[in-house]
C-alpha atoms as a PDB file:
ATOM      1  CA  MET A   1      -0.029   0.004  -0.007  1.00  0.00           C
ATOM      2  CA  ARG A   2       2.813   2.343   0.861  1.00  0.00           C
ATOM      3  CA  ASP A   3       4.302   2.097  -2.637  1.00  0.00           C
ATOM      4  CA  LYS A   4       0.987   2.619  -4.237  1.00  0.00           C
ATOM      5  CA  LEU A   5       0.589   5.820  -2.019  1.00  0.00           C
ATOM      6  CA  ASN A   6       4.144   7.061  -2.846  1.00  0.00           C
ATOM      7  CA  ALA A   7       3.491   6.494  -6.643  1.00  0.00           C
ATOM      8  CA  LEU A   8       0.324   8.473  -6.427  1.00  0.00           C
ATOM      9  CA  ALA A   9       2.038  11.383  -4.674  1.00  0.00           C
ATOM     10  CA  GLU A  10       5.216  11.311  -6.657  1.00  0.00           C
ATOM     11  CA  HIS A  11       4.424  14.657  -8.568  1.00  0.00           C
ATOM     12  CA  TRP A  12       2.563  16.381  -5.749  1.00  0.00           C
ATOM     13  CA  SER A  13       4.188  19.636  -4.381  1.00  0.00           C
ATOM     14  CA  ARG A  14       5.545  19.692  -0.873  1.00  0.00           C
ATOM     15  CA  ASP A  15       2.518  21.614   0.171  1.00  0.00           C
ATOM     16  CA  GLU A  16       0.116  19.103  -1.045  1.00  0.00           C
ATOM     17  CA  LYS A  17       2.089  16.207   0.542  1.00  0.00           C
ATOM     18  CA  ASN A  18       2.115  18.119   3.867  1.00  0.00           C
ATOM     19  CA  LYS A  19      -1.705  18.561   3.651  1.00  0.00           C
ATOM     20  CA  CYS A  20      -2.258  14.979   2.865  1.00  0.00           C
ATOM     21  CA  LEU A  21       0.014  13.889   5.972  1.00  0.00           C
ATOM     22  CA  LYS A  22      -1.983  16.237   8.333  1.00  0.00           C
ATOM     23  CA  GLU A  23      -5.405  14.779   7.044  1.00  0.00           C
ATOM     24  CA  THR A  24      -3.940  11.063   7.310  1.00  0.00           C
ATOM     25  CA  SER A  25      -3.027  11.497  11.076  1.00  0.00           C
ATOM     26  CA  LYS A  26      -6.662  12.746  11.667  1.00  0.00           C
ATOM     27  CA  CYS A  27      -7.944   9.714   9.832  1.00  0.00           C
ATOM     28  CA  PHE A  28      -5.984   7.240  12.001  1.00  0.00           C
ATOM     29  CA  MET A  29      -7.149   9.068  15.193  1.00  0.00           C
ATOM     30  CA  TYR A  30     -10.893   9.047  14.199  1.00  0.00           C
ATOM     31  CA  MET A  31     -10.598   5.562  13.017  1.00  0.00           C
ATOM     32  CA  GLY A  32      -9.306   4.312  16.254  1.00  0.00           C
ATOM     33  CA  THR A  33     -12.215   6.208  18.067  1.00  0.00           C
ATOM     34  CA  ILE A  34     -14.728   4.525  15.706  1.00  0.00           C
ATOM     35  CA  ILE A  35     -13.323   1.101  16.317  1.00  0.00           C
ATOM     36  CA  ARG A  36     -13.169   1.603  20.145  1.00  0.00           C
ATOM     37  CA  LEU A  37     -16.882   2.777  19.942  1.00  0.00           C
ATOM     38  CA  ILE A  38     -18.005  -0.348  17.930  1.00  0.00           C
ATOM     39  CA  ILE A  39     -16.137  -2.848  20.118  1.00  0.00           C
ATOM     40  CA  MET A  40     -17.857  -1.222  23.358  1.00  0.00           C
ATOM     41  CA  GLN A  41     -21.386  -1.912  22.027  1.00  0.00           C
END
């Protein structure tokens, strides 16, 4: 998966990559919260 993402972002500017990284960390944080909520039910 990492190789696919790197290939996709190969021609992105540094600013675009930084924005993507910022959003990626949010996704993982929220995904963990959702999984915990599902398990607790």
